[in-house]
Amino acid sequence: MNIRSGIKRILTLRLLLGLLIGGTLGFAWYYFIGCNSGGCSITSNPYRITAFGMLFGALILSK
C-alpha cells in the first residue's frame, strides 16, 4: 500500500463516518424535535432531514 492509496482510504472512511453520524443526527432531530404540523418542509419528512444530515456530516468530515 502506497501513501496515495492510504490517504484515499482515510478520506473515504471519514466521508462514510460523516454520512453515518450526520444521518443519525438528522433522524434524531426528526424523531425528537421534528414538526408535527407538517408545515416545515425539511423537518416534517424523515427521509429529507436524514438526507440533509448526511450531506452536512459528509461536508464537515470530508475536509
N, C-alpha and C. Protein backbone atom coordinates (compact mmCIF):
# COMPACT_ATOMS: atom_id res chain seq x y z
N MET A 1 0.85 -1.18 0.00
CA MET A 1 0.00 0.00 0.00
C MET A 1 0.90 1.24 0.00
N ASN A 2 0.69 2.10 -0.98
CA ASN A 2 1.48 3.32 -1.02
C ASN A 2 0.77 4.45 -0.28
N ILE A 3 1.42 5.59 -0.21
CA ILE A 3 0.88 6.72 0.56
C ILE A 3 -0.42 7.24 -0.04
N ARG A 4 -0.48 7.32 -1.37
CA ARG A 4 -1.68 7.86 -2.02
C ARG A 4 -2.91 7.01 -1.73
N SER A 5 -2.79 5.70 -1.79
CA SER A 5 -3.94 4.85 -1.51
C SER A 5 -4.31 4.90 -0.03
N GLY A 6 -3.32 5.08 0.85
CA GLY A 6 -3.60 5.22 2.27
C GLY A 6 -4.39 6.48 2.58
N ILE A 7 -4.01 7.58 1.93
CA ILE A 7 -4.72 8.84 2.12
C ILE A 7 -6.14 8.74 1.57
N LYS A 8 -6.29 8.11 0.41
CA LYS A 8 -7.61 7.94 -0.19
C LYS A 8 -8.50 7.10 0.70
N ARG A 9 -7.92 6.08 1.31
CA ARG A 9 -8.68 5.21 2.21
C ARG A 9 -9.15 5.97 3.45
N ILE A 10 -8.28 6.80 4.01
CA ILE A 10 -8.64 7.59 5.19
C ILE A 10 -9.75 8.58 4.85
N LEU A 11 -9.64 9.24 3.70
CA LEU A 11 -10.68 10.19 3.30
C LEU A 11 -12.01 9.49 3.05
N THR A 12 -11.97 8.30 2.49
CA THR A 12 -13.19 7.55 2.26
C THR A 12 -13.83 7.16 3.59
N LEU A 13 -13.02 6.72 4.54
CA LEU A 13 -13.56 6.35 5.86
C LEU A 13 -14.15 7.57 6.56
N ARG A 14 -13.50 8.72 6.44
CA ARG A 14 -14.04 9.94 7.06
C ARG A 14 -15.35 10.33 6.41
N LEU A 15 -15.44 10.19 5.09
CA LEU A 15 -16.68 10.51 4.39
C LEU A 15 -17.80 9.58 4.84
N LEU A 16 -17.53 8.30 4.92
CA LEU A 16 -18.55 7.34 5.37
C LEU A 16 -18.96 7.59 6.82
N LEU A 17 -18.00 7.93 7.65
CA LEU A 17 -18.30 8.25 9.04
C LEU A 17 -19.17 9.50 9.12
N GLY A 18 -18.86 10.50 8.30
CA GLY A 18 -19.69 11.71 8.26
C GLY A 18 -21.11 11.42 7.81
N LEU A 19 -21.25 10.56 6.81
CA LEU A 19 -22.59 10.17 6.35
C LEU A 19 -23.37 9.46 7.46
N LEU A 20 -22.71 8.56 8.16
CA LEU A 20 -23.36 7.80 9.22
C LEU A 20 -23.76 8.70 10.39
N ILE A 21 -22.84 9.51 10.86
CA ILE A 21 -23.13 10.38 12.00
C ILE A 21 -24.18 11.42 11.62
N GLY A 22 -24.02 12.04 10.46
CA GLY A 22 -24.97 13.06 10.03
C GLY A 22 -26.37 12.50 9.82
N GLY A 23 -26.45 11.32 9.23
CA GLY A 23 -27.76 10.70 9.04
C GLY A 23 -28.42 10.34 10.36
N THR A 24 -27.63 9.85 11.28
CA THR A 24 -28.16 9.51 12.61
C THR A 24 -28.66 10.75 13.33
N LEU A 25 -27.87 11.81 13.30
CA LEU A 25 -28.29 13.05 13.97
C LEU A 25 -29.48 13.69 13.27
N GLY A 26 -29.53 13.58 11.95
CA GLY A 26 -30.68 14.12 11.22
C GLY A 26 -31.97 13.39 11.59
N PHE A 27 -31.90 12.08 11.65
CA PHE A 27 -33.10 11.32 12.02
C PHE A 27 -33.47 11.57 13.48
N ALA A 28 -32.46 11.71 14.34
CA ALA A 28 -32.74 12.01 15.75
C ALA A 28 -33.43 13.37 15.87
N TRP A 29 -33.03 14.33 15.05
CA TRP A 29 -33.68 15.64 15.04
C TRP A 29 -35.16 15.47 14.67
N TYR A 30 -35.43 14.68 13.64
CA TYR A 30 -36.82 14.44 13.23
C TYR A 30 -37.59 13.75 14.35
N TYR A 31 -37.00 12.75 14.95
CA TYR A 31 -37.71 11.94 15.94
C TYR A 31 -38.00 12.73 17.22
N PHE A 32 -37.02 13.47 17.71
CA PHE A 32 -37.18 14.14 19.00
C PHE A 32 -37.73 15.56 18.88
N ILE A 33 -37.43 16.26 17.82
CA ILE A 33 -37.87 17.66 17.69
C ILE A 33 -38.92 17.77 16.59
N GLY A 34 -38.55 17.46 15.36
CA GLY A 34 -39.46 17.38 14.23
C GLY A 34 -40.45 18.51 14.09
N CYS A 35 -41.46 18.28 13.30
CA CYS A 35 -42.51 19.25 13.05
C CYS A 35 -43.83 18.50 12.94
N ASN A 36 -44.67 18.62 13.93
CA ASN A 36 -45.91 17.86 13.97
C ASN A 36 -46.97 18.36 13.01
N SER A 37 -46.94 19.64 12.69
CA SER A 37 -47.99 20.21 11.84
C SER A 37 -47.83 19.85 10.37
N GLY A 38 -46.63 19.47 9.94
CA GLY A 38 -46.38 19.16 8.55
C GLY A 38 -46.05 20.38 7.71
N GLY A 39 -46.02 21.55 8.33
CA GLY A 39 -45.73 22.78 7.60
C GLY A 39 -44.25 23.03 7.38
N CYS A 40 -43.41 22.34 8.09
CA CYS A 40 -41.97 22.52 7.94
C CYS A 40 -41.51 21.60 6.81
N SER A 41 -40.96 22.18 5.77
CA SER A 41 -40.65 21.37 4.59
C SER A 41 -39.51 20.38 4.81
N ILE A 42 -38.58 20.68 5.67
CA ILE A 42 -37.44 19.79 5.86
C ILE A 42 -37.68 18.84 7.03
N THR A 43 -38.06 19.36 8.17
CA THR A 43 -38.13 18.54 9.37
C THR A 43 -39.40 17.70 9.50
N SER A 44 -40.38 17.89 8.61
CA SER A 44 -41.59 17.07 8.72
C SER A 44 -41.46 15.74 7.99
N ASN A 45 -40.40 15.57 7.21
CA ASN A 45 -40.19 14.34 6.45
C ASN A 45 -38.91 13.66 6.93
N PRO A 46 -38.99 12.43 7.46
CA PRO A 46 -37.79 11.79 8.00
C PRO A 46 -36.72 11.52 6.95
N TYR A 47 -37.12 11.24 5.72
CA TYR A 47 -36.13 10.97 4.67
C TYR A 47 -35.37 12.23 4.29
N ARG A 48 -36.08 13.32 4.21
CA ARG A 48 -35.46 14.58 3.82
C ARG A 48 -34.48 15.08 4.88
N ILE A 49 -34.86 15.05 6.15
CA ILE A 49 -33.97 15.54 7.20
C ILE A 49 -32.78 14.60 7.38
N THR A 50 -32.97 13.31 7.17
CA THR A 50 -31.86 12.37 7.24
C THR A 50 -30.88 12.63 6.11
N ALA A 51 -31.38 12.91 4.91
CA ALA A 51 -30.51 13.22 3.77
C ALA A 51 -29.73 14.51 4.01
N PHE A 52 -30.40 15.53 4.56
CA PHE A 52 -29.70 16.77 4.88
C PHE A 52 -28.62 16.54 5.94
N GLY A 53 -28.94 15.74 6.94
CA GLY A 53 -27.95 15.41 7.96
C GLY A 53 -26.76 14.69 7.38
N MET A 54 -27.01 13.76 6.46
CA MET A 54 -25.91 13.04 5.81
C MET A 54 -25.05 13.98 4.98
N LEU A 55 -25.69 14.90 4.28
CA LEU A 55 -24.96 15.87 3.47
C LEU A 55 -24.06 16.74 4.34
N PHE A 56 -24.62 17.29 5.41
CA PHE A 56 -23.82 18.14 6.28
C PHE A 56 -22.72 17.37 7.00
N GLY A 57 -23.01 16.16 7.44
CA GLY A 57 -21.99 15.35 8.08
C GLY A 57 -20.85 15.02 7.15
N ALA A 58 -21.18 14.70 5.90
CA ALA A 58 -20.15 14.41 4.91
C ALA A 58 -19.31 15.64 4.59
N LEU A 59 -19.97 16.79 4.51
CA LEU A 59 -19.23 18.03 4.22
C LEU A 59 -18.30 18.40 5.36
N ILE A 60 -18.74 18.20 6.57
CA ILE A 60 -17.91 18.58 7.72
C ILE A 60 -16.71 17.65 7.87
N LEU A 61 -16.91 16.35 7.74
CA LEU A 61 -15.83 15.41 7.99
C LEU A 61 -14.97 15.09 6.78
N SER A 62 -15.36 15.54 5.59
CA SER A 62 -14.57 15.20 4.41
C SER A 62 -13.36 16.10 4.21
N LYS A 63 -13.25 17.17 4.94
CA LYS A 63 -12.11 18.08 4.77
C LYS A 63 -10.86 17.56 5.39
